[in-house]
Amino acid sequence: MTRHPIVFATALVVLLFGLSPTRQAHTTQNVDKIQKTEAKDLIEGRSIMWEEPRDLETRDLFYGVGGQKGEPDPSAKYRFIERNKSGNSEKIVVEDNRDRRWTIKFGPEARPETTASRIVWAVGYHVDQDYFVKRAHVEGRGGFDVWNVRFERDNDGFKKVGRWSWQSNPFLGTRDFDGLKTLMALFNNFDLKTPNTKIVRAAKKKSSEETILIYYVNDLGATLGSTGAWYTDAPILGEIPTGTKGNPKDYARSKFIDSVGDGKVTFHNARRRAKRAMSDVAIDNAQWIGNLLARLSDKQFQDAFRAGGFDEEEAATYIRTIRNRIKRLQGLSR
């Protein structure tokens, strides 16, 4: 009896990953629950996604938006607060001796998320205060060391008020949104979903100040590797997160652009949901973000990868690939 390859592959994925219609339904319900729960917290205000980086050429991509003063001290005492059960990566919440709360993320996302956040911030988009830490000690639960982790500042002056959808938000069709899509394609982000987005309210210095709501991607961990295997272009299988994270060799040999035509650029991504999220990008807007990225120096890129704990050889591979992708963006034509 002849077995259809897609049917066989689907069965294999169900066995390996436990993917089922029931589980998919639960996932969708969870996302809907998040959106409905947080929608009530949204308030009137001016919504923004991008701000002009007037100091782009001089931005410090080693310390990032939090600066050197904001970085966690590896020798400080960190008190265990709780586990953070969101997402797929293991995370815990800790507090330092300056009453700053941090979410520590373990696993392969720690390095690429730190680096990607630096570059996204450099060209004008909001990001969390992320730092890669090689080693720190956490007190509580008997005390333990954490190695090669990402520290993310929780009480950073912005209040979370909701999440936004790639298919429904105030920025559809705008240059700013197309620029963000292009950045996600540049980094091979294969996990573009609502739970990885955030809307925050900027703190006011005076009550009379305008309320600003900032829309951004708050999870950049599934980046700087491959976007998935060949079979993930198929229905059902296209939602399996088979890409790699923080792998320079996989990143360097991966495809960037599928096609250009009718004033639009179609970016490659093996995961169907991510490809849909990055669809319908105007060529002019992709060129715009490419021109912004081109203004970053090699030192700034090197600092961004050093901040993520990548060595010189890994950074060189990444920077060479990113520079080539930037040139492709700049050279897009109708």
Protein backbone atom coordinates (compact mmCIF):
# COMPACT_ATOMS: atom_id res chain seq x y z
CA MET A 1 0.00 0.00 0.00
CA THR A 2 1.39 3.43 -0.95
CA ARG A 3 1.54 5.98 1.84
CA HIS A 4 1.07 9.64 0.95
CA PRO A 5 4.16 11.55 2.27
CA ILE A 6 2.09 14.37 3.78
CA VAL A 7 -0.21 11.96 5.60
CA PHE A 8 2.78 10.04 6.90
CA ALA A 9 4.56 13.23 7.99
CA THR A 10 1.43 14.49 9.72
CA ALA A 11 1.08 11.26 11.67
CA LEU A 12 4.74 11.42 12.62
CA VAL A 13 4.38 14.98 13.94
CA VAL A 14 1.31 14.01 15.96
CA LEU A 15 3.33 11.24 17.60
CA LEU A 16 6.40 13.38 18.22
CA PHE A 17 4.82 16.68 19.19
CA GLY A 18 1.36 15.68 20.39
CA LEU A 19 -0.27 18.02 17.87
CA SER A 20 -3.99 17.36 17.52
CA PRO A 21 -7.12 19.28 16.48
CA THR A 22 -8.08 19.44 20.15
CA ARG A 23 -4.73 20.89 21.15
CA GLN A 24 -4.89 23.43 18.31
CA ALA A 25 -8.37 24.47 19.46
CA HIS A 26 -7.11 24.95 23.01
CA THR A 27 -4.24 27.10 21.71
CA THR A 28 -6.65 29.30 19.77
CA GLN A 29 -8.94 29.61 22.79
CA ASN A 30 -6.00 30.62 24.98
CA VAL A 31 -5.02 33.39 22.55
CA ASP A 32 -8.63 34.62 22.41
CA LYS A 33 -8.75 34.60 26.21
CA ILE A 34 -5.57 36.71 26.38
CA GLN A 35 -6.95 39.25 23.92
CA LYS A 36 -10.36 39.53 25.63
CA THR A 37 -8.87 39.75 29.13
CA GLU A 38 -6.41 42.49 28.26
CA ALA A 39 -8.61 44.45 25.85
CA LYS A 40 -10.57 45.88 28.78
CA ASP A 41 -7.38 47.47 30.11
CA LEU A 42 -6.75 49.46 26.94
CA ILE A 43 -7.35 53.18 27.31
CA GLU A 44 -7.58 56.15 25.01
CA GLY A 45 -4.26 57.47 23.81
CA ARG A 46 -1.98 58.04 20.85
CA SER A 47 -0.74 54.77 19.43
CA ILE A 48 2.80 54.54 18.05
CA MET A 49 4.99 51.77 16.68
CA TRP A 50 8.11 53.64 15.57
CA GLU A 51 9.97 56.80 16.54
CA GLU A 52 12.76 58.37 14.54
CA PRO A 53 16.16 57.38 16.01
CA ARG A 54 17.89 60.74 15.74
CA ASP A 55 21.03 59.32 17.34
CA LEU A 56 21.04 56.12 15.24
CA GLU A 57 24.74 56.27 14.32
CA THR A 58 25.81 56.70 17.94
CA ARG A 59 23.42 54.35 19.75
CA ASP A 60 25.16 51.96 22.12
CA LEU A 61 24.22 48.49 20.91
CA PHE A 62 26.17 46.71 23.60
CA TYR A 63 24.07 47.99 26.51
CA GLY A 64 20.94 48.80 24.51
CA VAL A 65 17.91 50.81 25.58
CA GLY A 66 18.55 50.25 29.31
CA GLY A 67 22.11 51.52 29.08
CA GLN A 68 25.02 50.50 31.26
CA LYS A 69 23.23 51.77 34.38
CA GLY A 70 20.35 49.45 33.69
CA GLU A 71 22.30 46.22 33.29
CA PRO A 72 21.99 43.51 35.93
CA ASP A 73 24.99 43.01 38.19
CA PRO A 74 26.20 39.38 37.87
CA SER A 75 27.61 39.57 41.40
CA ALA A 76 24.41 40.91 42.97
CA LYS A 77 22.04 38.87 45.11
CA TYR A 78 18.92 37.75 43.26
CA ARG A 79 15.92 36.50 45.21
CA PHE A 80 13.67 33.91 43.61
CA ILE A 81 10.07 35.15 43.32
CA GLU A 82 8.21 32.68 41.12
CA ARG A 83 8.22 30.70 37.90
CA ASN A 84 6.91 32.39 34.77
CA LYS A 85 4.85 29.81 32.90
CA SER A 86 4.23 31.83 29.73
CA GLY A 87 5.72 30.72 26.40
CA ASN A 88 7.78 27.64 25.60
CA SER A 89 11.07 28.60 27.25
CA GLU A 90 11.73 28.05 30.94
CA LYS A 91 11.58 31.35 32.84
CA ILE A 92 11.73 32.53 36.44
CA VAL A 93 11.13 35.92 38.08
CA VAL A 94 13.74 37.30 40.47
CA GLU A 95 14.38 40.52 42.36
CA ASP A 96 17.77 42.14 42.93
CA ASN A 97 19.03 44.13 45.90
CA ARG A 98 17.92 47.37 44.18
CA ASP A 99 14.29 46.17 44.12
CA ARG A 100 14.42 45.64 40.37
CA ARG A 101 12.45 42.70 39.05
CA TRP A 102 13.80 40.57 36.24
CA THR A 103 12.51 37.68 34.19
CA ILE A 104 15.30 35.21 33.53
CA LYS A 105 14.91 33.14 30.37
CA PHE A 106 16.83 29.89 29.93
CA GLY A 107 17.68 28.02 26.76
CA PRO A 108 18.67 28.83 23.17
CA GLU A 109 16.62 32.04 22.93
CA ALA A 110 18.76 33.98 25.41
CA ARG A 111 21.50 34.98 22.96
CA PRO A 112 19.49 35.80 19.80
CA GLU A 113 16.81 37.69 21.72
CA THR A 114 19.37 40.00 23.32
CA THR A 115 21.09 40.72 20.01
CA ALA A 116 17.89 41.15 17.98
CA SER A 117 16.49 43.56 20.56
CA ARG A 118 19.56 45.77 20.19
CA ILE A 119 19.19 46.12 16.42
CA VAL A 120 15.39 46.55 16.48
CA TRP A 121 15.80 49.34 19.02
CA ALA A 122 18.62 50.93 17.03
CA VAL A 123 16.34 51.70 14.09
CA GLY A 124 13.49 53.17 16.14
CA TYR A 125 11.27 50.40 17.50
CA HIS A 126 10.48 49.79 21.15
CA VAL A 127 11.98 46.75 22.90
CA ASP A 128 12.30 45.39 26.42
CA GLN A 129 15.44 45.92 28.47
CA ASP A 130 17.24 42.65 27.73
CA TYR A 131 20.71 41.59 28.83
CA PHE A 132 22.64 38.37 28.31
CA VAL A 133 24.27 37.17 31.53
CA LYS A 134 26.84 34.39 31.57
CA ARG A 135 26.42 33.56 35.23
CA ALA A 136 24.48 34.76 38.27
CA HIS A 137 23.37 33.30 41.59
CA VAL A 138 19.76 33.06 42.69
CA GLU A 139 18.85 32.68 46.35
CA GLY A 140 15.83 30.67 47.38
CA ARG A 141 14.87 27.10 46.66
CA GLY A 142 18.19 26.09 48.13
CA GLY A 143 20.14 28.58 46.04
CA PHE A 144 21.40 27.89 42.52
CA ASP A 145 23.48 29.37 39.71
CA VAL A 146 22.07 30.31 36.31
CA TRP A 147 24.27 30.18 33.22
CA ASN A 148 24.00 31.85 29.80
CA VAL A 149 20.59 33.38 30.38
CA ARG A 150 18.64 36.44 29.32
CA PHE A 151 17.67 38.95 32.02
CA GLU A 152 14.65 41.09 31.11
CA ARG A 153 13.67 44.06 33.27
CA ASP A 154 10.06 43.85 34.47
CA ASN A 155 9.54 47.19 36.26
CA ASP A 156 11.06 49.31 33.48
CA GLY A 157 8.66 52.27 33.60
CA PHE A 158 6.13 50.91 31.08
CA LYS A 159 2.78 49.37 32.04
CA LYS A 160 1.46 46.48 29.97
CA VAL A 161 -2.10 47.15 28.82
CA GLY A 162 -2.67 44.54 26.11
CA ARG A 163 -1.50 42.66 23.05
CA TRP A 164 -2.05 43.19 19.35
CA SER A 165 -2.61 40.97 16.33
CA TRP A 166 -0.54 40.85 13.15
CA GLN A 167 -3.79 40.76 11.19
CA SER A 168 -5.66 43.49 13.09
CA ASN A 169 -3.98 46.58 14.52
CA PRO A 170 -3.95 50.38 13.96
CA PHE A 171 -0.88 50.23 11.71
CA LEU A 172 -1.99 47.97 8.86
CA GLY A 173 -0.55 49.17 5.55
CA THR A 174 1.73 51.78 7.15
CA ARG A 175 5.44 52.26 6.61
CA ASP A 176 6.11 51.62 10.30
CA PHE A 177 4.34 48.24 10.28
CA ASP A 178 5.96 47.17 7.01
CA GLY A 179 9.32 48.11 8.50
CA LEU A 180 8.67 45.90 11.52
CA LYS A 181 7.65 42.99 9.26
CA THR A 182 10.86 43.46 7.29
CA LEU A 183 12.94 43.36 10.47
CA MET A 184 11.26 40.12 11.50
CA ALA A 185 12.11 38.68 8.08
CA LEU A 186 15.67 39.95 8.37
CA PHE A 187 16.12 38.05 11.63
CA ASN A 188 14.27 34.89 10.44
CA ASN A 189 11.72 35.24 13.22
CA PHE A 190 9.45 32.18 12.87
CA ASP A 191 7.27 32.74 15.94
CA LEU A 192 5.07 35.70 15.04
CA LYS A 193 1.93 35.32 17.10
CA THR A 194 -0.24 37.48 19.34
CA PRO A 195 1.20 36.23 22.69
CA ASN A 196 4.61 37.49 21.51
CA THR A 197 3.37 41.05 21.04
CA LYS A 198 2.68 43.72 23.62
CA ILE A 199 1.06 47.13 24.06
CA VAL A 200 2.48 49.24 26.86
CA ARG A 201 1.64 52.64 28.26
CA ALA A 202 4.56 54.97 28.75
CA ALA A 203 4.89 56.50 32.21
CA LYS A 204 3.86 60.14 32.51
CA LYS A 205 5.92 62.78 34.26
CA LYS A 206 2.85 65.02 34.51
CA SER A 207 -0.83 64.07 34.60
CA SER A 208 -1.50 66.55 31.80
CA GLU A 209 0.83 64.75 29.41
CA GLU A 210 -0.61 62.86 26.46
CA THR A 211 -1.12 59.12 26.93
CA ILE A 212 1.14 57.13 24.62
CA LEU A 213 0.42 53.49 23.74
CA ILE A 214 3.41 51.67 22.25
CA TYR A 215 2.97 48.59 20.05
CA TYR A 216 5.95 46.24 19.73
CA VAL A 217 7.20 42.65 19.55
CA ASN A 218 8.24 41.61 23.05
CA ASP A 219 9.61 38.14 22.28
CA LEU A 220 12.47 38.01 19.78
CA GLY A 221 13.91 34.67 20.86
CA ALA A 222 12.98 32.60 17.79
CA THR A 223 15.48 34.43 15.60
CA LEU A 224 18.92 34.31 13.98
CA GLY A 225 18.70 30.68 12.88
CA SER A 226 16.66 28.80 10.30
CA THR A 227 12.88 29.22 9.97
CA GLY A 228 12.04 25.52 9.66
CA ALA A 229 12.25 22.33 7.63
CA TRP A 230 10.99 21.84 4.08
CA TYR A 231 7.84 20.01 5.17
CA THR A 232 6.59 22.89 7.33
CA ASP A 233 5.24 24.60 4.22
CA ALA A 234 2.37 22.08 4.31
CA PRO A 235 -0.94 22.63 6.15
CA ILE A 236 -0.85 21.70 9.88
CA LEU A 237 2.88 21.00 9.66
CA GLY A 238 3.42 24.66 8.86
CA GLU A 239 2.63 25.55 12.46
CA ILE A 240 5.29 23.29 13.99
CA PRO A 241 8.20 25.38 15.41
CA THR A 242 11.04 23.45 13.76
CA GLY A 243 13.37 26.38 13.16
CA THR A 244 16.64 26.92 14.98
CA LYS A 245 17.56 29.83 17.24
CA GLY A 246 20.89 31.60 17.44
CA ASN A 247 22.61 29.35 14.90
CA PRO A 248 24.87 31.43 12.61
CA LYS A 249 25.48 28.69 10.04
CA ASP A 250 21.77 27.97 9.65
CA TYR A 251 21.08 31.68 9.39
CA ALA A 252 23.75 32.26 6.74
CA ARG A 253 22.44 29.54 4.40
CA SER A 254 18.75 30.36 4.81
CA LYS A 255 16.64 32.07 2.16
CA PHE A 256 15.58 35.68 2.67
CA ILE A 257 13.27 36.77 -0.17
CA ASP A 258 10.94 34.56 -2.20
CA SER A 259 9.77 37.06 -4.80
CA VAL A 260 9.32 40.70 -5.74
CA GLY A 261 6.49 42.01 -7.88
CA ASP A 262 3.51 44.36 -8.13
CA GLY A 263 5.17 46.75 -5.73
CA LYS A 264 5.43 44.12 -2.98
CA VAL A 265 8.17 41.92 -1.57
CA THR A 266 7.44 38.40 -0.33
CA PHE A 267 9.80 37.22 2.38
CA HIS A 268 10.69 33.58 2.89
CA ASN A 269 9.65 31.74 6.02
CA ALA A 270 9.08 28.02 6.37
CA ARG A 271 6.46 28.53 9.06
CA ARG A 272 3.14 29.41 7.45
CA ARG A 273 1.83 31.68 10.23
CA ALA A 274 5.00 33.75 10.25
CA LYS A 275 4.97 34.07 6.47
CA ARG A 276 1.36 35.32 6.57
CA ALA A 277 2.26 37.84 9.26
CA MET A 278 5.06 39.25 7.10
CA SER A 279 3.02 39.38 3.90
CA ASP A 280 2.02 42.37 1.77
CA VAL A 281 5.10 44.52 2.44
CA ALA A 282 5.49 47.47 0.07
CA ILE A 283 8.88 47.62 -1.66
CA ASP A 284 9.32 51.29 -0.74
CA ASN A 285 8.81 50.49 2.94
CA ALA A 286 11.24 47.56 2.85
CA GLN A 287 13.81 49.85 1.25
CA TRP A 288 13.18 52.45 3.93
CA ILE A 289 14.06 50.10 6.79
CA GLY A 290 17.01 48.78 4.75
CA ASN A 291 18.37 52.31 4.45
CA LEU A 292 18.04 52.81 8.21
CA LEU A 293 19.89 49.57 8.91
CA ALA A 294 22.63 50.52 6.45
CA ARG A 295 23.49 53.51 8.64
CA LEU A 296 24.64 51.22 11.46
CA SER A 297 28.39 50.74 11.65
CA ASP A 298 30.20 47.42 11.80
CA LYS A 299 31.17 48.28 15.37
CA GLN A 300 27.52 48.73 16.31
CA PHE A 301 26.65 45.35 14.81
CA GLN A 302 29.65 43.77 16.54
CA ASP A 303 28.54 45.28 19.86
CA ALA A 304 25.02 43.89 19.36
CA PHE A 305 26.32 40.35 18.85
CA ARG A 306 28.84 40.70 21.65
CA ALA A 307 25.95 41.75 23.91
CA GLY A 308 24.27 38.46 23.04
CA GLY A 309 27.30 36.40 23.98
CA PHE A 310 28.31 35.44 20.42
CA ASP A 311 32.03 35.06 19.72
CA GLU A 312 33.92 36.98 17.01
CA GLU A 313 33.63 34.25 14.39
CA GLU A 314 29.89 33.85 14.94
CA ALA A 315 29.40 37.62 14.85
CA ALA A 316 31.35 37.89 11.59
CA THR A 317 29.11 35.27 9.95
CA TYR A 318 26.00 37.08 11.09
CA ILE A 319 27.17 40.54 10.10
CA ARG A 320 28.22 39.40 6.64
CA THR A 321 24.79 37.84 6.08
CA ILE A 322 22.91 40.82 7.49
CA ARG A 323 24.90 43.25 5.33
CA ASN A 324 24.01 41.21 2.25
CA ARG A 325 20.35 41.24 3.22
CA ILE A 326 20.43 44.98 3.79
CA LYS A 327 21.88 45.48 0.30
CA ARG A 328 19.07 43.35 -1.13
CA LEU A 329 16.52 45.54 0.60
CA GLN A 330 18.15 48.71 -0.67
CA GLY A 331 18.34 47.33 -4.21
CA LEU A 332 14.70 46.22 -4.48
CA SER A 333 13.00 47.46 -7.62
CA ARG A 334 9.48 47.37 -8.95
